[in-house]
N, C-alpha and C. Protein backbone atom coordinates (compact mmCIF):
# COMPACT_ATOMS: atom_id res chain seq x y z
N MET A 1 84.22 125.71 84.40
CA MET A 1 84.63 124.73 83.02
C MET A 1 85.97 125.06 83.07
N PRO A 2 86.58 124.32 83.67
CA PRO A 2 88.09 124.50 83.87
C PRO A 2 88.85 124.60 82.62
N HIS A 3 90.30 125.08 82.81
CA HIS A 3 90.63 125.76 81.58
C HIS A 3 91.75 124.11 81.28
N VAL A 4 92.76 123.57 82.39
CA VAL A 4 93.35 122.87 81.96
C VAL A 4 93.15 121.90 82.89
N VAL A 5 93.23 120.38 82.58
CA VAL A 5 93.06 119.60 83.72
C VAL A 5 93.91 119.09 83.34
N ILE A 6 95.20 118.20 84.86
CA ILE A 6 95.89 117.49 85.02
C ILE A 6 95.41 116.35 86.08
N ASP A 7 95.44 115.01 85.99
CA ASP A 7 94.69 114.49 86.80
C ASP A 7 95.28 113.07 86.57
N HIS A 8 95.15 112.03 87.03
CA HIS A 8 95.71 110.32 87.17
C HIS A 8 94.32 109.89 87.40
N HIS A 9 93.20 110.21 87.96
CA HIS A 9 92.05 109.24 88.65
C HIS A 9 91.50 109.52 87.10
N PRO A 10 90.27 108.26 87.25
CA PRO A 10 88.68 108.50 85.98
C PRO A 10 88.73 109.30 85.74
N ILE A 11 88.33 109.17 84.51
CA ILE A 11 87.75 110.72 83.38
C ILE A 11 86.60 111.17 84.41
N ARG A 12 86.14 111.81 84.35
CA ARG A 12 84.80 112.47 84.68
C ARG A 12 84.31 113.54 83.42
N ARG A 13 82.49 113.87 82.99
CA ARG A 13 82.10 114.78 82.38
C ARG A 13 83.39 115.82 82.08
N LEU A 14 82.81 116.37 83.35
CA LEU A 14 83.40 118.07 83.39
C LEU A 14 85.11 117.81 83.02
N THR A 15 85.75 116.95 83.32
CA THR A 15 87.57 116.61 82.94
C THR A 15 87.72 117.10 81.83
N ARG A 16 86.52 116.04 80.79
CA ARG A 16 86.36 116.45 79.59
C ARG A 16 86.23 118.05 78.55
N THR A 17 85.90 118.78 79.74
CA THR A 17 86.14 119.79 78.88
C THR A 17 87.07 121.20 79.13
N GLY A 18 88.12 120.62 79.70
CA GLY A 18 89.21 120.92 79.90
C GLY A 18 90.07 121.45 78.31
N ILE A 19 90.65 122.57 78.38
CA ILE A 19 90.93 123.04 76.95
C ILE A 19 92.77 122.04 76.61
N VAL A 20 93.03 121.89 77.86
CA VAL A 20 94.21 120.48 77.74
C VAL A 20 93.98 119.85 78.63
N TYR A 21 94.03 118.49 78.23
CA TYR A 21 93.75 117.39 79.09
C TYR A 21 94.86 115.97 79.04
N ARG A 22 94.99 115.31 80.20
CA ARG A 22 96.21 114.66 80.13
C ARG A 22 95.78 113.61 81.20
N HIS A 23 95.74 112.40 81.01
CA HIS A 23 94.81 111.12 81.87
C HIS A 23 95.84 110.20 81.50
N PRO A 24 97.51 109.91 82.01
CA PRO A 24 97.80 109.16 81.79
C PRO A 24 97.37 108.26 83.20
N GLN A 25 97.39 106.62 82.81
CA GLN A 25 96.96 105.88 83.79
C GLN A 25 98.31 105.33 83.98
N ARG A 26 99.75 105.52 84.34
CA ARG A 26 100.69 104.88 84.34
C ARG A 26 101.57 106.02 86.08
N TYR A 27 100.44 106.68 86.35
CA TYR A 27 100.98 107.21 87.89
C TYR A 27 100.53 106.98 88.83
N GLY A 28 100.82 107.36 90.10
CA GLY A 28 100.35 107.74 91.08
C GLY A 28 99.56 108.80 91.59
N ALA A 29 100.18 109.35 91.49
CA ALA A 29 99.97 111.26 91.55
C ALA A 29 100.21 112.12 90.69
N ALA A 30 98.93 112.99 90.43
CA ALA A 30 98.65 113.86 89.16
C ALA A 30 100.64 115.14 89.51
N SER A 31 101.49 114.86 91.06
CA SER A 31 102.48 116.02 90.94
C SER A 31 103.60 115.48 90.06
N THR A 32 103.10 113.45 90.01
CA THR A 32 104.39 113.50 89.11
C THR A 32 104.38 113.96 87.93
N ILE A 33 103.36 114.53 87.42
CA ILE A 33 102.65 114.59 85.09
C ILE A 33 103.30 116.28 85.77
N LEU A 34 103.77 116.70 86.79
CA LEU A 34 103.99 118.15 86.99
C LEU A 34 105.33 118.22 86.96
N VAL A 35 105.92 117.28 87.40
CA VAL A 35 107.40 117.35 87.79
C VAL A 35 107.92 116.78 86.19
N GLU A 36 107.61 115.54 85.34
CA GLU A 36 107.59 115.64 84.47
C GLU A 36 107.62 116.76 83.49
N TYR A 37 106.95 117.92 83.36
CA TYR A 37 106.96 119.14 82.60
C TYR A 37 107.95 119.95 82.58
N LEU A 38 108.09 120.23 84.28
CA LEU A 38 109.33 120.74 84.99
C LEU A 38 110.74 119.78 84.07
N ILE A 39 110.76 118.63 84.02
CA ILE A 39 111.90 118.07 83.50
C ILE A 39 112.08 118.29 82.28
N GLU A 40 110.99 118.99 81.68
CA GLU A 40 110.64 119.05 79.70
C GLU A 40 111.46 119.91 79.22
N ALA A 41 110.63 120.82 80.79
CA ALA A 41 111.37 122.24 80.17
C ALA A 41 112.64 122.64 80.71
N GLY A 42 113.10 121.82 80.98
CA GLY A 42 114.42 121.83 81.95
C GLY A 42 115.14 122.72 82.76
N ILE A 43 113.93 122.84 83.60
CA ILE A 43 113.47 123.48 85.07
C ILE A 43 113.74 122.62 86.24
N THR A 44 114.65 122.65 87.20
CA THR A 44 115.91 122.03 87.79
C THR A 44 114.28 123.02 89.53
N PRO A 45 113.83 122.39 90.31
CA PRO A 45 113.44 122.94 91.40
C PRO A 45 114.02 123.91 92.29
N ASP A 46 113.81 124.89 92.91
CA ASP A 46 114.51 125.08 93.77
C ASP A 46 113.38 124.44 95.26
N THR A 47 114.11 124.72 96.02
CA THR A 47 113.48 124.10 97.52
C THR A 47 112.27 124.06 97.17
N PRO A 48 111.44 125.04 97.68
CA PRO A 48 110.01 125.61 97.46
C PRO A 48 109.35 124.45 96.74
N LEU A 49 109.75 124.71 95.67
CA LEU A 49 108.67 124.35 94.28
C LEU A 49 109.19 122.52 94.71
N ALA A 50 110.58 122.31 95.34
CA ALA A 50 110.91 120.37 95.34
C ALA A 50 109.66 120.12 96.32
N ASN A 51 109.94 120.72 97.37
CA ASN A 51 109.02 120.62 98.83
C ASN A 51 107.12 119.98 97.98
N ARG A 52 106.07 120.81 97.59
CA ARG A 52 105.51 120.33 97.70
C ARG A 52 104.83 119.35 96.45
N PRO A 53 105.62 118.49 95.50
CA PRO A 53 104.67 117.82 94.50
C PRO A 53 105.87 116.32 95.37
N ALA A 54 107.45 116.45 96.47
CA ALA A 54 107.33 115.20 96.84
C ALA A 54 106.59 115.51 97.77
N LEU A 55 106.04 116.25 98.31
CA LEU A 55 105.16 115.96 99.88
C LEU A 55 103.33 115.31 98.69
N CYS A 56 103.64 115.77 98.17
CA CYS A 56 101.93 115.02 97.85
C CYS A 56 102.45 114.37 96.80
N ILE A 57 103.54 113.72 96.12
CA ILE A 57 103.81 112.37 95.98
C ILE A 57 103.45 111.72 96.69
N ARG A 58 104.01 111.94 98.17
CA ARG A 58 104.69 110.87 99.17
C ARG A 58 102.93 110.32 100.00
N SER A 59 102.35 111.67 100.00
CA SER A 59 101.17 111.39 100.14
C SER A 59 99.83 110.39 99.18
N ASP A 60 99.60 110.84 98.43
CA ASP A 60 99.27 110.48 97.12
C ASP A 60 99.34 108.38 97.05
N THR A 61 100.82 108.16 97.07
CA THR A 61 101.32 106.64 96.97
C THR A 61 101.49 106.48 98.13
N GLN A 62 101.16 107.01 99.75
CA GLN A 62 101.37 106.40 100.83
C GLN A 62 102.83 105.94 100.88
N ASP A 63 103.48 106.77 100.67
CA ASP A 63 105.61 106.78 100.55
C ASP A 63 105.87 105.62 100.07
N LEU A 64 104.91 105.34 97.95
CA LEU A 64 105.62 104.98 97.36
C LEU A 64 104.84 103.60 97.52
N GLY A 65 104.32 103.18 99.04
CA GLY A 65 103.67 101.82 99.19
C GLY A 65 102.69 101.77 98.38
N ARG A 66 101.84 102.07 97.80
CA ARG A 66 100.58 102.20 96.99
C ARG A 66 100.21 102.57 95.38
N GLU A 67 100.19 101.87 94.49
CA GLU A 67 100.12 101.97 93.51
C GLU A 67 101.32 103.39 92.61
N ALA A 68 101.77 103.44 93.40
CA ALA A 68 103.39 104.31 92.80
C ALA A 68 103.79 103.03 91.55
N THR A 69 103.94 104.21 90.97
CA THR A 69 105.03 103.38 89.15
C THR A 69 106.23 104.47 89.30
N ARG A 70 106.84 103.49 88.41
CA ARG A 70 107.89 104.19 88.51
C ARG A 70 108.45 105.44 87.94
N ALA A 71 107.02 106.08 87.28
CA ALA A 71 107.71 107.60 87.40
C ALA A 71 107.59 108.04 88.92
N ASP A 72 107.07 107.95 89.38
CA ASP A 72 106.63 108.36 90.61
C ASP A 72 107.48 107.82 91.56
N ILE A 73 108.39 107.18 91.85
CA ILE A 73 110.13 107.22 92.00
C ILE A 73 110.94 107.85 91.51
N GLU A 74 110.92 107.69 89.83
CA GLU A 74 111.70 108.85 89.92
C GLU A 74 111.59 110.46 89.95
N ALA A 75 110.68 110.75 90.21
CA ALA A 75 110.15 112.18 90.46
C ALA A 75 110.68 112.68 92.02
N ILE A 76 110.29 111.48 92.76
CA ILE A 76 111.11 111.28 94.33
C ILE A 76 112.49 111.38 94.39
N GLU A 77 112.70 110.52 93.32
CA GLU A 77 114.15 110.50 93.21
C GLU A 77 115.07 111.85 92.99
N LEU A 78 114.57 112.56 92.33
CA LEU A 78 115.03 114.08 92.00
C LEU A 78 114.30 115.31 92.65
N LEU A 79 113.04 115.67 93.62
CA LEU A 79 112.99 115.97 94.13
C LEU A 79 113.39 116.22 95.77
N TYR A 80 113.03 114.74 96.03
CA TYR A 80 114.26 114.44 97.20
C TYR A 80 115.46 115.23 98.21
N PRO A 81 116.29 115.13 97.09
CA PRO A 81 118.01 116.02 97.37
C PRO A 81 117.30 117.68 97.32
N LEU A 82 116.36 117.82 96.39
CA LEU A 82 116.78 119.56 96.30
C LEU A 82 115.43 119.76 97.27
N ALA A 83 114.97 118.38 97.95
CA ALA A 83 113.31 119.64 99.20
C ALA A 83 114.38 119.83 101.01
N ASN A 84 113.19 120.22 101.34
CA ASN A 84 113.67 120.76 102.91
C ASN A 84 112.56 119.47 103.63
N LYS A 85 113.81 118.61 103.86
CA LYS A 85 113.65 117.49 104.41
C LYS A 85 113.09 117.49 105.72
N ARG A 86 113.52 118.88 106.89
CA ARG A 86 113.26 119.37 108.14
C ARG A 86 111.43 119.95 107.75
N MET A 87 111.31 120.69 106.88
CA MET A 87 110.13 120.56 106.71
C MET A 87 109.07 119.78 106.48
N LEU A 88 109.32 119.14 105.21
CA LEU A 88 108.53 118.05 104.91
C LEU A 88 108.22 116.63 106.03
N GLY A 89 109.16 116.91 107.15
CA GLY A 89 109.21 115.93 108.60
C GLY A 89 107.97 116.72 108.92
N ILE A 90 108.54 118.08 108.80
CA ILE A 90 107.02 118.86 110.69
C ILE A 90 105.71 118.98 109.90
N ILE A 91 105.49 118.57 108.45
CA ILE A 91 104.39 119.28 107.82
C ILE A 91 103.68 117.27 107.96
N GLN A 92 104.68 116.45 107.67
CA GLN A 92 104.03 115.01 107.80
C GLN A 92 103.64 114.95 108.97
N ARG A 93 104.67 115.14 109.66
CA ARG A 93 104.40 114.21 111.10
C ARG A 93 102.66 115.56 111.97
N GLY A 94 102.08 116.80 110.64
CA GLY A 94 101.36 117.15 111.77
C GLY A 94 101.51 117.32 112.82
N GLU A 95 101.31 117.86 113.39
CA GLU A 95 101.91 118.76 114.76
C GLU A 95 100.21 119.15 115.58
N VAL A 96 99.34 118.36 116.58
CA VAL A 96 97.93 119.04 116.48
C VAL A 96 98.16 119.57 118.08
N PRO A 97 97.92 120.53 118.67
CA PRO A 97 97.58 120.79 120.18
C PRO A 97 97.12 119.90 120.42
N ARG A 98 97.33 119.62 121.35
CA ARG A 98 96.04 119.21 122.97
C ARG A 98 95.17 119.32 123.05
N VAL A 99 94.79 120.39 122.65
CA VAL A 99 93.09 120.72 122.83
C VAL A 99 92.38 120.37 121.68
N TYR A 100 92.69 120.21 120.72
CA TYR A 100 92.82 119.31 119.48
C TYR A 100 91.45 118.90 119.76
N PHE A 101 92.39 117.68 120.07
CA PHE A 101 91.49 116.56 120.88
C PHE A 101 90.42 116.39 121.67
N GLN A 102 90.98 117.51 123.01
CA GLN A 102 90.37 117.24 124.37
C GLN A 102 88.77 118.10 123.13
N MET A 103 88.94 118.59 122.69
CA MET A 103 87.31 119.43 121.84
C MET A 103 86.63 118.79 121.05
N LEU A 104 87.57 117.40 120.43
CA LEU A 104 87.04 116.43 119.23
C LEU A 104 85.91 115.88 120.00
N ALA A 105 87.17 114.94 121.51
CA ALA A 105 86.45 114.06 122.48
C ALA A 105 85.65 115.11 123.26
N ASP A 106 85.05 116.33 123.31
CA ASP A 106 84.22 116.76 123.97
C ASP A 106 82.65 116.61 122.75
N ALA A 107 82.90 117.03 121.68
CA ALA A 107 82.69 117.20 120.68
C ALA A 107 81.69 115.69 120.10
N LEU A 108 82.44 114.95 119.94
CA LEU A 108 81.97 113.01 120.14
C LEU A 108 81.08 112.71 121.16
N ARG A 109 81.23 113.82 122.58
CA ARG A 109 80.43 112.69 123.66
C ARG A 109 78.88 113.57 123.46
N LYS A 110 79.15 114.75 122.96
CA LYS A 110 77.83 115.51 122.84
C LYS A 110 77.21 115.25 121.00
N ARG A 111 77.27 114.48 120.67
CA ARG A 111 77.43 114.32 119.31
C ARG A 111 75.65 113.36 119.97
N PRO A 112 74.37 113.99 119.59
CA PRO A 112 73.34 113.57 119.49
C PRO A 112 73.26 112.39 119.29
N THR A 113 72.26 111.45 119.93
CA THR A 113 72.29 109.76 119.25
C THR A 113 71.17 109.85 118.44
N SER A 114 70.41 108.83 117.82
CA SER A 114 68.87 108.48 117.16
C SER A 114 67.86 108.95 117.81
N THR A 115 68.09 108.26 119.35
CA THR A 115 66.90 108.75 120.11
C THR A 115 67.10 110.38 120.87
N ASP A 116 67.93 110.76 120.01
CA ASP A 116 68.37 112.68 120.36
C ASP A 116 67.25 113.38 119.56
N ARG A 117 67.78 112.98 118.63
CA ARG A 117 66.38 113.45 117.58
C ARG A 117 65.26 113.96 117.56
N PRO A 118 64.86 115.30 117.59
CA PRO A 118 63.61 115.33 117.44
C PRO A 118 62.84 114.51 116.17
N SER A 119 61.56 113.69 116.32
CA SER A 119 60.78 113.38 115.23
C SER A 119 59.86 114.56 114.40
C-alpha cells in the first residue's frame, strides 16, 4: 500500500489508498508537481537535483511538445539554467554500443515463428 502518491495520470483504485494524494489535471509531468513543492518550500535546486526533474519533464512532455502545460514550462524555465546541460545531453542521446544492436538483430533473426512453436 502506498504512503504518498504524487501523480498526474488518471486515478487508480490503489492510488486512492495513499495518505497524501495529489492528482491535478493541469500537468504534463509529475516532476512538475515536485518542482512546485520545492518552490513553495523556498528551495532552489542544486545541479544534481535540477537535472532529474528537468529530464523527466522533457521526457514526459516530449520536449514540451505533448500535453505540456504552463506549469511544466515554468518548471523547465527554473530548472534549465541550474541543470548540467552536458549531462542532460548525454542522457538524452543515450549512446548505445554497436554490439547492442548486433545482439538485438541476432535475437530477432532467431525469434521463433508460429510454425516453429511446438503444438
